[in-house]
């Protein structure tokens, strides 16, 4: 029998194509009709793999989360692990900013997202952080990372010096878009340092040596 002209439809192919469409035009631009057309199939074919569009979006979001490296939690102390995880997390989200609002809803039923939450929370509790505080830290880190990946401070300004003539403290603001990467990455590093230094101070002041040991038993 002759071979089919295109690869058989699969969950992986659907997810990859959906992510490419979202990256190009945003979440609102994704529809099952457009996705099917991009795949070269009829719409109902998608429902052999996903029951709803929401399931497709969940799979797309989880495919992004799955690229985040959580291995640091097995190799480093809680603070260094958070630093390394946050960098990997931001890189994954910054590569697909249109997906960030969907990811910001929380892990839901997504396997990779739940595994990541478990890795973060588990490492903090093992380090001796009280469970409630570990939850706060995980949430704060997610707010910070997602916010930093969602937009660009530097791109918020325009390259028109005349616009800032009435604002003497902004006379160099028109240069910011040309330094977007260094500004945004520098701001992320600064904020992460401040957050981790604050947590380290709280840890030293509130988590006893006995609690630090007990969490690892």
Protein backbone atom coordinates (compact mmCIF):
# COMPACT_ATOMS: atom_id res chain seq x y z
CA UNK A 1 0.00 0.00 0.00
CA UNK A 2 1.24 3.55 -0.71
CA UNK A 3 2.51 5.49 2.30
CA UNK A 4 0.38 8.42 3.52
CA UNK A 5 1.43 11.80 2.23
CA UNK A 6 1.81 13.25 5.75
CA UNK A 7 2.62 11.94 9.17
CA UNK A 8 -0.27 10.55 11.14
CA UNK A 9 -1.87 12.95 13.56
CA UNK A 10 -0.60 12.63 17.13
CA UNK A 11 -0.95 14.47 20.43
CA UNK A 12 2.64 15.66 20.12
CA UNK A 13 2.09 17.07 16.65
CA UNK A 14 -1.10 18.83 17.73
CA UNK A 15 0.63 20.39 20.73
CA UNK A 16 3.66 21.53 18.73
CA UNK A 17 1.48 23.13 16.06
CA UNK A 18 -0.81 24.77 18.60
CA UNK A 19 2.18 26.25 20.43
CA UNK A 20 3.60 27.60 17.18
CA UNK A 21 0.27 29.29 16.39
CA UNK A 22 0.08 30.79 19.89
CA UNK A 23 3.67 32.00 19.69
CA UNK A 24 2.91 33.71 16.40
CA UNK A 25 -0.46 35.30 17.11
CA UNK A 26 -1.41 34.87 20.78
CA UNK A 27 -3.82 32.75 22.78
CA UNK A 28 -6.97 34.38 21.41
CA UNK A 29 -5.96 33.52 17.86
CA UNK A 30 -6.02 29.78 18.50
CA UNK A 31 -9.13 27.94 17.41
CA UNK A 32 -9.70 24.29 16.65
CA UNK A 33 -10.61 25.23 13.09
CA UNK A 34 -7.36 27.12 12.55
CA UNK A 35 -5.34 24.41 14.27
CA UNK A 36 -6.89 21.71 12.10
CA UNK A 37 -6.14 23.73 8.97
CA UNK A 38 -2.51 24.15 10.01
CA UNK A 39 -2.27 20.40 10.53
CA UNK A 40 -3.93 19.66 7.21
CA UNK A 41 -6.81 17.73 8.77
CA UNK A 42 -10.52 18.25 9.43
CA UNK A 43 -11.56 19.66 12.80
CA UNK A 44 -13.18 16.48 14.17
CA UNK A 45 -9.84 14.66 13.82
CA UNK A 46 -8.52 16.66 16.76
CA UNK A 47 -11.14 15.18 19.05
CA UNK A 48 -9.64 11.73 18.60
CA UNK A 49 -6.78 13.03 20.76
CA UNK A 50 -8.28 15.86 22.84
CA UNK A 51 -11.87 16.18 24.05
CA UNK A 52 -11.89 20.00 24.14
CA UNK A 53 -9.88 23.04 23.17
CA UNK A 54 -9.17 23.51 26.89
CA UNK A 55 -7.42 20.12 26.94
CA UNK A 56 -5.26 21.23 24.03
CA UNK A 57 -4.31 24.41 25.86
CA UNK A 58 -3.52 22.42 28.99
CA UNK A 59 -1.21 20.17 26.99
CA UNK A 60 0.47 23.16 25.34
CA UNK A 61 1.01 24.86 28.69
CA UNK A 62 2.39 21.68 30.20
CA UNK A 63 4.78 21.20 27.30
CA UNK A 64 6.31 24.58 28.17
CA UNK A 65 6.50 23.74 31.88
CA UNK A 66 8.16 20.42 31.06
CA UNK A 67 11.19 22.30 29.70
CA UNK A 68 11.88 23.89 33.10
CA UNK A 69 14.82 22.27 34.91
CA UNK A 70 13.89 21.26 38.47
CA UNK A 71 16.96 19.09 38.97
CA UNK A 72 18.62 21.77 41.10
CA UNK A 73 16.37 20.80 44.00
CA UNK A 74 18.18 17.45 44.20
CA UNK A 75 21.66 18.97 44.03
CA UNK A 76 21.74 22.29 45.89
CA UNK A 77 20.53 23.92 49.08
CA UNK A 78 17.09 25.48 48.92
CA UNK A 79 18.27 29.03 48.13
CA UNK A 80 20.65 28.10 45.30
CA UNK A 81 18.08 25.65 43.95
CA UNK A 82 15.44 28.38 43.86
CA UNK A 83 17.87 30.66 42.01
CA UNK A 84 18.69 28.08 39.35
CA UNK A 85 15.08 26.96 38.98
CA UNK A 86 13.87 30.56 38.66
CA UNK A 87 16.35 31.21 35.85
CA UNK A 88 15.25 28.11 33.95
CA UNK A 89 11.59 28.91 34.60
CA UNK A 90 11.92 32.46 33.31
CA UNK A 91 13.77 31.29 30.19
CA UNK A 92 10.99 28.82 29.40
CA UNK A 93 8.26 31.43 29.84
CA UNK A 94 10.15 34.19 28.03
CA UNK A 95 10.45 31.89 25.01
CA UNK A 96 6.64 31.61 24.89
CA UNK A 97 5.23 34.80 26.46
CA UNK A 98 1.77 34.38 24.96
CA UNK A 99 1.31 31.21 27.01
CA UNK A 100 2.16 32.92 30.31
CA UNK A 101 -1.38 34.19 31.10
CA UNK A 102 -2.70 30.65 30.77
CA UNK A 103 0.10 29.22 32.89
CA UNK A 104 -0.54 31.88 35.53
CA UNK A 105 -3.85 30.22 36.38
CA UNK A 106 -1.95 27.54 38.27
CA UNK A 107 -1.07 23.87 37.70
CA UNK A 108 -4.62 22.53 37.49
CA UNK A 109 -4.39 18.91 36.36
CA UNK A 110 -1.22 19.33 34.32
CA UNK A 111 1.38 16.63 35.14
CA UNK A 112 4.55 18.65 34.54
CA UNK A 113 3.19 21.64 36.44
CA UNK A 114 2.22 19.47 39.40
CA UNK A 115 5.63 17.79 39.37
CA UNK A 116 7.33 21.19 39.39
CA UNK A 117 5.16 22.43 42.27
CA UNK A 118 5.94 19.26 44.19
CA UNK A 119 9.69 19.67 43.63
CA UNK A 120 9.69 23.29 44.84
CA UNK A 121 7.45 22.73 47.84
CA UNK A 122 9.16 19.49 48.82
CA UNK A 123 12.63 21.07 48.78
CA UNK A 124 11.49 23.96 50.95
CA UNK A 125 9.81 21.71 53.52
CA UNK A 126 12.87 19.43 53.62
CA UNK A 127 14.98 22.50 54.34
CA UNK A 128 12.85 23.17 57.41
CA UNK A 129 10.51 25.86 56.16
CA UNK A 130 7.04 25.54 57.73
CA UNK A 131 4.54 24.18 55.18
CA UNK A 132 2.52 27.41 55.10
CA UNK A 133 5.64 29.49 54.53
CA UNK A 134 6.84 27.09 51.84
CA UNK A 135 3.54 27.66 50.06
CA UNK A 136 4.00 31.44 50.31
CA UNK A 137 7.52 31.21 48.91
CA UNK A 138 6.44 29.05 45.98
CA UNK A 139 3.64 31.48 45.17
CA UNK A 140 5.89 34.53 45.48
CA UNK A 141 8.48 32.99 43.18
CA UNK A 142 5.83 32.17 40.59
CA UNK A 143 4.43 35.71 40.72
CA UNK A 144 7.90 37.16 40.26
CA UNK A 145 9.02 34.85 37.45
CA UNK A 146 5.77 35.01 35.50
CA UNK A 147 5.61 38.79 35.79
CA UNK A 148 9.18 39.19 34.57
CA UNK A 149 8.52 36.97 31.56
CA UNK A 150 5.19 38.50 30.64
CA UNK A 151 6.42 41.90 29.57
CA UNK A 152 9.47 44.07 28.99
CA UNK A 153 10.18 47.21 31.01
CA UNK A 154 12.53 48.46 28.33
CA UNK A 155 10.03 48.03 25.49
CA UNK A 156 7.57 50.19 27.40
CA UNK A 157 9.48 53.28 26.30
CA UNK A 158 9.74 54.66 22.75
CA UNK A 159 12.81 55.78 20.86
CA UNK A 160 11.72 59.42 20.61
CA UNK A 161 13.81 61.84 22.72
CA UNK A 162 11.28 64.66 22.26
CA UNK A 163 8.65 62.67 24.16
CA UNK A 164 10.66 62.98 27.35
CA UNK A 165 11.63 66.66 27.07
CA UNK A 166 9.16 67.60 29.82
CA UNK A 167 10.48 64.88 32.13
CA UNK A 168 14.04 65.78 33.13
CA UNK A 169 14.70 62.52 34.94
CA UNK A 170 13.79 60.55 31.81
CA UNK A 171 16.10 62.28 29.35
CA UNK A 172 17.80 58.94 28.54
CA UNK A 173 14.61 56.86 28.49
CA UNK A 174 14.53 56.75 24.69
CA UNK A 175 17.65 54.59 24.83
CA UNK A 176 16.01 51.82 26.86
CA UNK A 177 14.46 49.87 23.95
CA UNK A 178 17.92 49.48 22.43
CA UNK A 179 19.12 47.81 25.61
CA UNK A 180 16.08 45.64 26.23
CA UNK A 181 17.88 42.41 27.01
CA UNK A 182 20.40 43.89 29.45
CA UNK A 183 17.75 45.98 31.20
CA UNK A 184 15.23 43.19 31.59
CA UNK A 185 17.74 40.51 32.54
CA UNK A 186 19.46 42.89 34.94
CA UNK A 187 16.16 43.74 36.58
CA UNK A 188 15.30 40.06 36.93
CA UNK A 189 18.69 39.29 38.52
CA UNK A 190 18.36 42.22 40.90
CA UNK A 191 14.84 41.29 41.95
CA UNK A 192 15.78 37.64 42.39
CA UNK A 193 18.78 38.58 44.53
CA UNK A 194 16.63 40.82 46.72
CA UNK A 195 13.96 38.15 47.11
CA UNK A 196 16.42 35.41 48.00
CA UNK A 197 18.41 37.61 50.38
CA UNK A 198 15.21 38.49 52.21
CA UNK A 199 14.22 34.83 52.43
CA UNK A 200 17.72 33.86 53.63
CA UNK A 201 17.48 36.41 56.43
CA UNK A 202 14.08 35.10 57.47
CA UNK A 203 15.32 31.53 57.31
CA UNK A 204 18.29 32.29 59.54
CA UNK A 205 16.07 34.09 62.04
CA UNK A 206 13.11 31.71 62.20
CA UNK A 207 14.08 28.18 61.14
CA UNK A 208 15.98 26.41 63.90
CA UNK A 209 18.83 23.94 63.30
CA UNK A 210 16.57 21.17 64.58
CA UNK A 211 13.85 22.07 62.04
CA UNK A 212 16.42 22.12 59.25
CA UNK A 213 17.52 18.60 60.15
CA UNK A 214 14.05 17.23 60.81
CA UNK A 215 12.81 18.12 57.35
CA UNK A 216 15.48 15.93 55.73
CA UNK A 217 14.66 12.81 57.75
